Amino acid sequence: MSSELNISRSSGRRIYKSMGFKPYIPRLVHELNEVDFDRRIEYCETFLSLLESEPDLIHRVIWSDEAVFKLNGHINRHNSVYWATENPNLTWKQTMQAEGLI
């Protein structure tokens, strides 16, 4: 809006706020396929059976944080803001198995 009216972005935000609008950022959710449901249950059952046979397994797993850089075009949802008077509860479905680098 601000570029179309030739005003600054901060003026545009101030106008939106004065009209009762709030900024909303869409949530990114994992797009599930048909086979994903069965695979998740199968994984949980396998992990539970491993825990039964090796109770100390949970203490030997290394849990770590990692960052993934997508090679197919990442959606930066922080740059996509929707101004509305009520939360539109927007979601974007995205395949999380895209080729990437860690």
PDB file of N, CA and C in Angstrom:
ATOM      1  N   MET A   1       0.819  -1.182   0.000  1.00  0.00           N
ATOM      2  CA  MET A   1       0.000   0.000   0.000  1.00  0.00           C
ATOM      3  C   MET A   1       0.866   1.250   0.000  1.00  0.00           C
ATOM      4  N   SER A   2       1.910   1.280   0.817  1.00  0.00           N
ATOM      5  CA  SER A   2       2.701   2.493   0.945  1.00  0.00           C
ATOM      6  C   SER A   2       3.372   2.882  -0.371  1.00  0.00           C
ATOM      7  N   SER A   3       3.829   1.907  -1.161  1.00  0.00           N
ATOM      8  CA  SER A   3       4.460   2.244  -2.439  1.00  0.00           C
ATOM      9  C   SER A   3       3.442   2.772  -3.445  1.00  0.00           C
ATOM     10  N   GLU A   4       2.206   2.263  -3.404  1.00  0.00           N
ATOM     11  CA  GLU A   4       1.167   2.733  -4.317  1.00  0.00           C
ATOM     12  C   GLU A   4       0.728   4.152  -3.984  1.00  0.00           C
ATOM     13  N   LEU A   5       0.733   4.503  -2.698  1.00  0.00           N
ATOM     14  CA  LEU A   5       0.311   5.842  -2.269  1.00  0.00           C
ATOM     15  C   LEU A   5       1.483   6.806  -2.129  1.00  0.00           C
ATOM     16  N   ASN A   6       2.700   6.304  -2.400  1.00  0.00           N
ATOM     17  CA  ASN A   6       3.911   7.110  -2.304  1.00  0.00           C
ATOM     18  C   ASN A   6       4.115   7.679  -0.900  1.00  0.00           C
ATOM     19  N   ILE A   7       3.929   6.809   0.104  1.00  0.00           N
ATOM     20  CA  ILE A   7       4.193   7.177   1.497  1.00  0.00           C
ATOM     21  C   ILE A   7       5.174   6.162   2.077  1.00  0.00           C
ATOM     22  N   SER A   8       5.781   6.478   3.199  1.00  0.00           N
ATOM     23  CA  SER A   8       6.747   5.561   3.806  1.00  0.00           C
ATOM     24  C   SER A   8       6.033   4.346   4.404  1.00  0.00           C
ATOM     25  N   ARG A   9       6.794   3.266   4.606  1.00  0.00           N
ATOM     26  CA  ARG A   9       6.223   2.053   5.202  1.00  0.00           C
ATOM     27  C   ARG A   9       5.742   2.322   6.619  1.00  0.00           C
ATOM     28  N   SER A  10       6.500   3.142   7.365  1.00  0.00           N
ATOM     29  CA  SER A  10       6.089   3.436   8.745  1.00  0.00           C
ATOM     30  C   SER A  10       4.781   4.219   8.769  1.00  0.00           C
ATOM     31  N   SER A  11       4.582   5.109   7.801  1.00  0.00           N
ATOM     32  CA  SER A  11       3.301   5.832   7.723  1.00  0.00           C
ATOM     33  C   SER A  11       2.173   4.873   7.384  1.00  0.00           C
ATOM     34  N   GLY A  12       2.448   3.928   6.495  1.00  0.00           N
ATOM     35  CA  GLY A  12       1.441   2.925   6.151  1.00  0.00           C
ATOM     36  C   GLY A  12       1.051   2.091   7.354  1.00  0.00           C
ATOM     37  N   ARG A  13       2.050   1.658   8.145  1.00  0.00           N
ATOM     38  CA  ARG A  13       1.758   0.891   9.363  1.00  0.00           C
ATOM     39  C   ARG A  13       0.958   1.718  10.361  1.00  0.00           C
ATOM     40  N   ARG A  14       1.312   2.967  10.492  1.00  0.00           N
ATOM     41  CA  ARG A  14       0.600   3.847  11.425  1.00  0.00           C
ATOM     42  C   ARG A  14      -0.868   4.000  11.005  1.00  0.00           C
ATOM     43  N   ILE A  15      -1.113   4.120   9.702  1.00  0.00           N
ATOM     44  CA  ILE A  15      -2.492   4.232   9.195  1.00  0.00           C
ATOM     45  C   ILE A  15      -3.265   2.948   9.484  1.00  0.00           C
ATOM     46  N   TYR A  16      -2.636   1.791   9.196  1.00  0.00           N
ATOM     47  CA  TYR A  16      -3.297   0.513   9.484  1.00  0.00           C
ATOM     48  C   TYR A  16      -3.671   0.412  10.960  1.00  0.00           C
ATOM     49  N   LYS A  17      -2.724   0.744  11.840  1.00  0.00           N
ATOM     50  CA  LYS A  17      -2.987   0.651  13.280  1.00  0.00           C
ATOM     51  C   LYS A  17      -4.093   1.595  13.708  1.00  0.00           C
ATOM     52  N   SER A  18      -4.130   2.800  13.139  1.00  0.00           N
ATOM     53  CA  SER A  18      -5.179   3.755  13.513  1.00  0.00           C
ATOM     54  C   SER A  18      -6.556   3.277  13.072  1.00  0.00           C
ATOM     55  N   MET A  19      -6.600   2.403  12.061  1.00  0.00           N
ATOM     56  CA  MET A  19      -7.872   1.851  11.578  1.00  0.00           C
ATOM     57  C   MET A  19      -8.246   0.561  12.309  1.00  0.00           C
ATOM     58  N   GLY A  20      -7.418   0.138  13.281  1.00  0.00           N
ATOM     59  CA  GLY A  20      -7.729  -1.057  14.060  1.00  0.00           C
ATOM     60  C   GLY A  20      -7.190  -2.344  13.471  1.00  0.00           C
ATOM     61  N   PHE A  21      -6.310  -2.250  12.476  1.00  0.00           N
ATOM     62  CA  PHE A  21      -5.722  -3.439  11.875  1.00  0.00           C
ATOM     63  C   PHE A  21      -4.496  -3.869  12.667  1.00  0.00           C
ATOM     64  N   LYS A  22      -4.213  -5.178  12.644  1.00  0.00           N
ATOM     65  CA  LYS A  22      -3.032  -5.740  13.289  1.00  0.00           C
ATOM     66  C   LYS A  22      -2.293  -6.595  12.266  1.00  0.00           C
ATOM     67  N   PRO A  23      -0.967  -6.707  12.407  1.00  0.00           N
ATOM     68  CA  PRO A  23      -0.218  -7.552  11.467  1.00  0.00           C
ATOM     69  C   PRO A  23      -0.292  -9.027  11.869  1.00  0.00           C
ATOM     70  N   TYR A  24      -0.558  -9.895  10.907  1.00  0.00           N
ATOM     71  CA  TYR A  24      -0.602 -11.335  11.145  1.00  0.00           C
ATOM     72  C   TYR A  24       0.351 -12.021  10.176  1.00  0.00           C
ATOM     73  N   ILE A  25       1.154 -12.944  10.695  1.00  0.00           N
ATOM     74  CA  ILE A  25       2.114 -13.692   9.891  1.00  0.00           C
ATOM     75  C   ILE A  25       1.596 -15.120   9.747  1.00  0.00           C
ATOM     76  N   PRO A  26       1.511 -15.641   8.515  1.00  0.00           N
ATOM     77  CA  PRO A  26       1.022 -17.014   8.326  1.00  0.00           C
ATOM     78  C   PRO A  26       1.919 -18.032   9.019  1.00  0.00           C
ATOM     79  N   ARG A  27       1.301 -19.119   9.516  1.00  0.00           N
ATOM     80  CA  ARG A  27       2.058 -20.223  10.116  1.00  0.00           C
ATOM     81  C   ARG A  27       2.435 -21.199   9.019  1.00  0.00           C
ATOM     82  N   LEU A  28       3.627 -21.731   9.111  1.00  0.00           N
ATOM     83  CA  LEU A  28       4.098 -22.727   8.161  1.00  0.00           C
ATOM     84  C   LEU A  28       3.818 -24.105   8.744  1.00  0.00           C
ATOM     85  N   VAL A  29       3.057 -24.917   8.028  1.00  0.00           N
ATOM     86  CA  VAL A  29       2.722 -26.256   8.516  1.00  0.00           C
ATOM     87  C   VAL A  29       3.217 -27.298   7.523  1.00  0.00           C
ATOM     88  N   HIS A  30       3.559 -28.463   8.040  1.00  0.00           N
ATOM     89  CA  HIS A  30       4.051 -29.561   7.212  1.00  0.00           C
ATOM     90  C   HIS A  30       2.895 -30.160   6.429  1.00  0.00           C
ATOM     91  N   GLU A  31       3.067 -30.266   5.127  1.00  0.00           N
ATOM     92  CA  GLU A  31       2.049 -30.882   4.289  1.00  0.00           C
ATOM     93  C   GLU A  31       2.180 -32.399   4.390  1.00  0.00           C
ATOM     94  N   LEU A  32       1.137 -33.066   4.877  1.00  0.00           N
ATOM     95  CA  LEU A  32       1.172 -34.518   5.058  1.00  0.00           C
ATOM     96  C   LEU A  32       0.584 -35.226   3.848  1.00  0.00           C
ATOM     97  N   ASN A  33       1.245 -36.295   3.446  1.00  0.00           N
ATOM     98  CA  ASN A  33       0.758 -37.143   2.365  1.00  0.00           C
ATOM     99  C   ASN A  33       0.061 -38.355   2.970  1.00  0.00           C
ATOM    100  N   GLU A  34      -0.604 -39.145   2.143  1.00  0.00           N
ATOM    101  CA  GLU A  34      -1.328 -40.333   2.614  1.00  0.00           C
ATOM    102  C   GLU A  34      -0.420 -41.294   3.372  1.00  0.00           C
ATOM    103  N   VAL A  35       0.776 -41.538   2.854  1.00  0.00           N
ATOM    104  CA  VAL A  35       1.667 -42.522   3.472  1.00  0.00           C
ATOM    105  C   VAL A  35       2.287 -42.013   4.772  1.00  0.00           C
ATOM    106  N   ASP A  36       2.266 -40.703   4.997  1.00  0.00           N
ATOM    107  CA  ASP A  36       2.904 -40.142   6.191  1.00  0.00           C
ATOM    108  C   ASP A  36       2.255 -40.627   7.485  1.00  0.00           C
ATOM    109  N   PHE A  37       0.958 -40.800   7.494  1.00  0.00           N
ATOM    110  CA  PHE A  37       0.259 -41.210   8.712  1.00  0.00           C
ATOM    111  C   PHE A  37       0.725 -42.592   9.167  1.00  0.00           C
ATOM    112  N   ASP A  38       0.760 -43.539   8.232  1.00  0.00           N
ATOM    113  CA  ASP A  38       1.212 -44.893   8.560  1.00  0.00           C
ATOM    114  C   ASP A  38       2.691 -44.908   8.945  1.00  0.00           C
ATOM    115  N   ARG A  39       3.501 -44.112   8.253  1.00  0.00           N
ATOM    116  CA  ARG A  39       4.937 -44.077   8.544  1.00  0.00           C
ATOM    117  C   ARG A  39       5.207 -43.510   9.931  1.00  0.00           C
ATOM    118  N   ARG A  40       4.427 -42.524  10.372  1.00  0.00           N
ATOM    119  CA  ARG A  40       4.629 -41.961  11.713  1.00  0.00           C
ATOM    120  C   ARG A  40       4.295 -42.987  12.785  1.00  0.00           C
ATOM    121  N   ILE A  41       3.197 -43.716  12.610  1.00  0.00           N
ATOM    122  CA  ILE A  41       2.812 -44.747  13.578  1.00  0.00           C
ATOM    123  C   ILE A  41       3.866 -45.854  13.600  1.00  0.00           C
ATOM    124  N   GLU A  42       4.326 -46.253  12.423  1.00  0.00           N
ATOM    125  CA  GLU A  42       5.356 -47.294  12.335  1.00  0.00           C
ATOM    126  C   GLU A  42       6.642 -46.847  13.045  1.00  0.00           C
ATOM    127  N   TYR A  43       7.041 -45.598  12.862  1.00  0.00           N
ATOM    128  CA  TYR A  43       8.249 -45.091  13.523  1.00  0.00           C
ATOM    129  C   TYR A  43       8.083 -45.107  15.043  1.00  0.00           C
ATOM    130  N   CYS A  44       6.938 -44.639  15.529  1.00  0.00           N
ATOM    131  CA  CYS A  44       6.695 -44.616  16.980  1.00  0.00           C
ATOM    132  C   CYS A  44       6.719 -46.022  17.571  1.00  0.00           C
ATOM    133  N   GLU A  45       6.080 -46.966  16.896  1.00  0.00           N
ATOM    134  CA  GLU A  45       6.075 -48.346  17.389  1.00  0.00           C
ATOM    135  C   GLU A  45       7.487 -48.929  17.404  1.00  0.00           C
ATOM    136  N   THR A  46       8.270 -48.638  16.376  1.00  0.00           N
ATOM    137  CA  THR A  46       9.657 -49.121  16.322  1.00  0.00           C
ATOM    138  C   THR A  46      10.484 -48.521  17.445  1.00  0.00           C
ATOM    139  N   PHE A  47      10.342 -47.216  17.664  1.00  0.00           N
ATOM    140  CA  PHE A  47      11.121 -46.551  18.709  1.00  0.00           C
ATOM    141  C   PHE A  47      10.719 -47.054  20.096  1.00  0.00           C
ATOM    142  N   LEU A  48       9.420 -47.271  20.312  1.00  0.00           N
ATOM    143  CA  LEU A  48       8.965 -47.801  21.605  1.00  0.00           C
ATOM    144  C   LEU A  48       9.502 -49.207  21.858  1.00  0.00           C
ATOM    145  N   SER A  49       9.531 -50.033  20.822  1.00  0.00           N
ATOM    146  CA  SER A  49      10.075 -51.387  21.009  1.00  0.00           C
ATOM    147  C   SER A  49      11.578 -51.336  21.276  1.00  0.00           C
ATOM    148  N   LEU A  50      12.283 -50.393  20.659  1.00  0.00           N
ATOM    149  CA  LEU A  50      13.709 -50.217  20.958  1.00  0.00           C
ATOM    150  C   LEU A  50      13.911 -49.789  22.405  1.00  0.00           C
ATOM    151  N   LEU A  51      13.047 -48.908  22.898  1.00  0.00           N
ATOM    152  CA  LEU A  51      13.152 -48.460  24.291  1.00  0.00           C
ATOM    153  C   LEU A  51      12.879 -49.594  25.268  1.00  0.00           C
ATOM    154  N   GLU A  52      11.969 -50.503  24.905  1.00  0.00           N
ATOM    155  CA  GLU A  52      11.690 -51.650  25.775  1.00  0.00           C
ATOM    156  C   GLU A  52      12.895 -52.582  25.854  1.00  0.00           C
ATOM    157  N   SER A  53      13.570 -52.778  24.729  1.00  0.00           N
ATOM    158  CA  SER A  53      14.728 -53.677  24.723  1.00  0.00           C
ATOM    159  C   SER A  53      16.001 -52.998  25.238  1.00  0.00           C
ATOM    160  N   GLU A  54      16.089 -51.672  25.095  1.00  0.00           N
ATOM    161  CA  GLU A  54      17.255 -50.914  25.573  1.00  0.00           C
ATOM    162  C   GLU A  54      16.777 -49.673  26.325  1.00  0.00           C
ATOM    163  N   PRO A  55      16.430 -49.811  27.609  1.00  0.00           N
ATOM    164  CA  PRO A  55      15.869 -48.684  28.363  1.00  0.00           C
ATOM    165  C   PRO A  55      16.783 -47.456  28.443  1.00  0.00           C
ATOM    166  N   ASP A  56      18.098 -47.640  28.349  1.00  0.00           N
ATOM    167  CA  ASP A  56      19.003 -46.488  28.446  1.00  0.00           C
ATOM    168  C   ASP A  56      19.241 -45.808  27.091  1.00  0.00           C
ATOM    169  N   LEU A  57      18.559 -46.267  26.050  1.00  0.00           N
ATOM    170  CA  LEU A  57      18.732 -45.702  24.711  1.00  0.00           C
ATOM    171  C   LEU A  57      18.467 -44.197  24.687  1.00  0.00           C
ATOM    172  N   ILE A  58      17.455 -43.764  25.392  1.00  0.00           N
ATOM    173  CA  ILE A  58      17.073 -42.350  25.384  1.00  0.00           C
ATOM    174  C   ILE A  58      18.207 -41.456  25.889  1.00  0.00           C
ATOM    175  N   HIS A  59      19.069 -41.997  26.752  1.00  0.00           N
ATOM    176  CA  HIS A  59      20.190 -41.225  27.291  1.00  0.00           C
ATOM    177  C   HIS A  59      21.407 -41.254  26.362  1.00  0.00           C
ATOM    178  N   ARG A  60      21.366 -42.135  25.365  1.00  0.00           N
ATOM    179  CA  ARG A  60      22.485 -42.233  24.429  1.00  0.00           C
ATOM    180  C   ARG A  60      22.213 -41.521  23.108  1.00  0.00           C
ATOM    181  N   VAL A  61      21.021 -40.950  22.959  1.00  0.00           N
ATOM    182  CA  VAL A  61      20.680 -40.211  21.745  1.00  0.00           C
ATOM    183  C   VAL A  61      21.206 -38.789  21.889  1.00  0.00           C
ATOM    184  N   ILE A  62      21.829 -38.287  20.844  1.00  0.00           N
ATOM    185  CA  ILE A  62      22.307 -36.904  20.855  1.00  0.00           C
ATOM    186  C   ILE A  62      21.234 -36.044  20.190  1.00  0.00           C
ATOM    187  N   TRP A  63      20.612 -35.175  20.968  1.00  0.00           N
ATOM    188  CA  TRP A  63      19.593 -34.262  20.455  1.00  0.00           C
ATOM    189  C   TRP A  63      20.293 -32.945  20.123  1.00  0.00           C
ATOM    190  N   SER A  64      20.114 -32.449  18.926  1.00  0.00           N
ATOM    191  CA  SER A  64      20.817 -31.223  18.540  1.00  0.00           C
ATOM    192  C   SER A  64      19.911 -30.314  17.718  1.00  0.00           C
ATOM    193  N   ASP A  65      20.285 -29.041  17.690  1.00  0.00           N
ATOM    194  CA  ASP A  65      19.601 -28.072  16.835  1.00  0.00           C
ATOM    195  C   ASP A  65      20.367 -28.003  15.523  1.00  0.00           C
ATOM    196  N   GLU A  66      19.658 -27.762  14.452  1.00  0.00           N
ATOM    197  CA  GLU A  66      20.325 -27.614  13.172  1.00  0.00           C
ATOM    198  C   GLU A  66      19.545 -26.635  12.313  1.00  0.00           C
ATOM    199  N   ALA A  67      20.204 -26.038  11.362  1.00  0.00           N
ATOM    200  CA  ALA A  67      19.565 -25.111  10.429  1.00  0.00           C
ATOM    201  C   ALA A  67      19.620 -25.730   9.043  1.00  0.00           C
ATOM    202  N   VAL A  68      18.510 -25.664   8.319  1.00  0.00           N
ATOM    203  CA  VAL A  68      18.439 -26.216   6.976  1.00  0.00           C
ATOM    204  C   VAL A  68      18.273 -25.070   5.987  1.00  0.00           C
ATOM    205  N   PHE A  69      19.085 -25.071   4.953  1.00  0.00           N
ATOM    206  CA  PHE A  69      19.000 -24.068   3.901  1.00  0.00           C
ATOM    207  C   PHE A  69      18.436 -24.746   2.666  1.00  0.00           C
ATOM    208  N   LYS A  70      17.237 -24.370   2.253  1.00  0.00           N
ATOM    209  CA  LYS A  70      16.555 -25.020   1.137  1.00  0.00           C
ATOM    210  C   LYS A  70      17.170 -24.622  -0.195  1.00  0.00           C
ATOM    211  N   LEU A  71      17.275 -25.584  -1.103  1.00  0.00           N
ATOM    212  CA  LEU A  71      17.822 -25.335  -2.431  1.00  0.00           C
ATOM    213  C   LEU A  71      16.735 -25.051  -3.460  1.00  0.00           C
ATOM    214  N   ASN A  72      15.470 -25.251  -3.076  1.00  0.00           N
ATOM    215  CA  ASN A  72      14.386 -25.085  -4.039  1.00  0.00           C
ATOM    216  C   ASN A  72      13.590 -23.798  -3.838  1.00  0.00           C
ATOM    217  N   GLY A  73      14.054 -22.887  -3.020  1.00  0.00           N
ATOM    218  CA  GLY A  73      13.335 -21.635  -2.804  1.00  0.00           C
ATOM    219  C   GLY A  73      12.581 -21.659  -1.495  1.00  0.00           C
ATOM    220  N   HIS A  74      13.149 -21.103  -0.481  1.00  0.00           N
ATOM    221  CA  HIS A  74      12.573 -21.085   0.861  1.00  0.00           C
ATOM    222  C   HIS A  74      11.549 -19.961   0.981  1.00  0.00           C
ATOM    223  N   ILE A  75      10.444 -20.224   1.667  1.00  0.00           N
ATOM    224  CA  ILE A  75       9.448 -19.188   1.938  1.00  0.00           C
ATOM    225  C   ILE A  75       9.847 -18.476   3.217  1.00  0.00           C
ATOM    226  N   ASN A  76      10.137 -17.192   3.124  1.00  0.00           N
ATOM    227  CA  ASN A  76      10.441 -16.406   4.308  1.00  0.00           C
ATOM    228  C   ASN A  76       9.137 -15.779   4.783  1.00  0.00           C
ATOM    229  N   ARG A  77       8.446 -16.466   5.668  1.00  0.00           N
ATOM    230  CA  ARG A  77       7.122 -16.020   6.090  1.00  0.00           C
ATOM    231  C   ARG A  77       7.169 -14.756   6.920  1.00  0.00           C
ATOM    232  N   HIS A  78       8.344 -14.378   7.458  1.00  0.00           N
ATOM    233  CA  HIS A  78       8.440 -13.162   8.262  1.00  0.00           C
ATOM    234  C   HIS A  78       8.298 -11.910   7.405  1.00  0.00           C
ATOM    235  N   ASN A  79       8.510 -12.038   6.098  1.00  0.00           N
ATOM    236  CA  ASN A  79       8.342 -10.902   5.201  1.00  0.00           C
ATOM    237  C   ASN A  79       6.932 -10.822   4.632  1.00  0.00           C
ATOM    238  N   SER A  80       6.089 -11.780   4.938  1.00  0.00           N
ATOM    239  CA  SER A  80       4.712 -11.804   4.437  1.00  0.00           C
ATOM    240  C   SER A  80       3.766 -11.512   5.591  1.00  0.00           C
ATOM    241  N   VAL A  81       3.335 -10.278   5.676  1.00  0.00           N
ATOM    242  CA  VAL A  81       2.467  -9.851   6.770  1.00  0.00           C
ATOM    243  C   VAL A  81       1.102  -9.504   6.198  1.00  0.00           C
ATOM    244  N   TYR A  82       0.051  -9.990   6.842  1.00  0.00           N
ATOM    245  CA  TYR A  82      -1.316  -9.679   6.453  1.00  0.00           C
ATOM    246  C   TYR A  82      -1.928  -8.802   7.529  1.00  0.00           C
ATOM    247  N   TRP A  83      -2.432  -7.664   7.115  1.00  0.00           N
ATOM    248  CA  TRP A  83      -3.066  -6.750   8.058  1.00  0.00           C
ATOM    249  C   TRP A  83      -4.562  -7.015   8.043  1.00  0.00           C
ATOM    250  N   ALA A  84      -5.140  -7.219   9.217  1.00  0.00           N
ATOM    251  CA  ALA A  84      -6.573  -7.499   9.322  1.00  0.00           C
ATOM    252  C   ALA A  84      -7.055  -7.085  10.706  1.00  0.00           C
ATOM    253  N   THR A  85      -8.356  -6.866  10.845  1.00  0.00           N
ATOM    254  CA  THR A  85      -8.916  -6.501  12.150  1.00  0.00           C
ATOM    255  C   THR A  85      -9.084  -7.727  13.033  1.00  0.00           C
ATOM    256  N   GLU A  86      -9.199  -8.918  12.429  1.00  0.00           N
ATOM    257  CA  GLU A  86      -9.293 -10.171  13.174  1.00  0.00           C
ATOM    258  C   GLU A  86      -8.283 -11.152  12.603  1.00  0.00           C
ATOM    259  N   ASN A  87      -7.819 -12.088  13.443  1.00  0.00           N
ATOM    260  CA  ASN A  87      -6.827 -13.065  13.013  1.00  0.00           C
ATOM    261  C   ASN A  87      -7.414 -13.975  11.932  1.00  0.00           C
ATOM    262  N   PRO A  88      -6.840 -13.966  10.718  1.00  0.00           N
ATOM    263  CA  PRO A  88      -7.370 -14.816   9.647  1.00  0.00           C
ATOM    264  C   PRO A  88      -6.917 -16.270   9.751  1.00  0.00           C
ATOM    265  N   ASN A  89      -6.047 -16.591  10.732  1.00  0.00           N
ATOM    266  CA  ASN A  89      -5.526 -17.954  10.923  1.00  0.00           C
ATOM    267  C   ASN A  89      -5.015 -18.556   9.618  1.00  0.00           C
ATOM    268  N   LEU A  90      -4.150 -17.826   8.942  1.00  0.00           N
ATOM    269  CA  LEU A  90      -3.589 -18.274   7.677  1.00  0.00           C
ATOM    270  C   LEU A  90      -2.504 -19.314   7.903  1.00  0.00           C
ATOM    271  N   THR A  91      -2.487 -20.333   7.052  1.00  0.00           N
ATOM    272  CA  THR A  91      -1.420 -21.336   7.092  1.00  0.00           C
ATOM    273  C   THR A  91      -0.922 -21.565   5.677  1.00  0.00           C
ATOM    274  N   TRP A  92       0.343 -21.883   5.565  1.00  0.00           N
ATOM    275  CA  TRP A  92       0.939 -22.279   4.294  1.00  0.00           C
ATOM    276  C   TRP A  92       1.375 -23.714   4.426  1.00  0.00           C
ATOM    277  N   LYS A  93       0.917 -24.572   3.525  1.00  0.00           N
ATOM    278  CA  LYS A  93       1.363 -25.962   3.524  1.00  0.00           C
ATOM    279  C   LYS A  93       2.613 -26.046   2.667  1.00  0.00           C
ATOM    280  N   GLN A  94       3.645 -26.683   3.217  1.00  0.00           N
ATOM    281  CA  GLN A  94       4.900 -26.798   2.497  1.00  0.00           C
ATOM    282  C   GLN A  94       5.467 -28.188   2.692  1.00  0.00           C
ATOM    283  N   THR A  95       5.975 -28.763   1.615  1.00  0.00           N
ATOM    284  CA  THR A  95       6.650 -30.046   1.705  1.00  0.00           C
ATOM    285  C   THR A  95       7.964 -29.831   2.427  1.00  0.00           C
ATOM    286  N   MET A  96       8.167 -30.554   3.520  1.00  0.00           N
ATOM    287  CA  MET A  96       9.357 -30.352   4.334  1.00  0.00           C
ATOM    288  C   MET A  96      10.527 -31.213   3.875  1.00  0.00           C
ATOM    289  N   GLN A  97      10.332 -32.033   2.863  1.00  0.00           N
ATOM    290  CA  GLN A  97      11.392 -32.929   2.420  1.00  0.00           C
ATOM    291  C   GLN A  97      12.148 -32.376   1.218  1.00  0.00           C
ATOM    292  N   ALA A  98      12.123 -31.068   1.012  1.00  0.00           N
ATOM    293  CA  ALA A  98      12.829 -30.474  -0.116  1.00  0.00           C
ATOM    294  C   ALA A  98      14.332 -30.659   0.047  1.00  0.00           C
ATOM    295  N   GLU A  99      15.027 -30.730  -1.072  1.00  0.00           N
ATOM    296  CA  GLU A  99      16.476 -30.912  -1.046  1.00  0.00           C
ATOM    297  C   GLU A  99      17.121 -29.732  -0.341  1.00  0.00           C
ATOM    298  N   GLY A 100      18.062 -30.004   0.547  1.00  0.00           N
ATOM    299  CA  GLY A 100      18.688 -28.920   1.291  1.00  0.00           C
ATOM    300  C   GLY A 100      20.060 -29.287   1.811  1.00  0.00           C
ATOM    301  N   LEU A 101      20.709 -28.320   2.432  1.00  0.00           N
ATOM    302  CA  LEU A 101      22.028 -28.492   3.029  1.00  0.00           C
ATOM    303  C   LEU A 101      21.965 -28.139   4.492  1.00  0.00           C
ATOM    304  N   ILE A 102      22.724 -28.845   5.311  1.00  0.00           N
ATOM    305  CA  ILE A 102      22.812 -28.531   6.744  1.00  0.00           C
ATOM    306  C   ILE A 102      24.163 -27.901   6.997  1.00  0.00           C
TER     307      ILE A 102
END
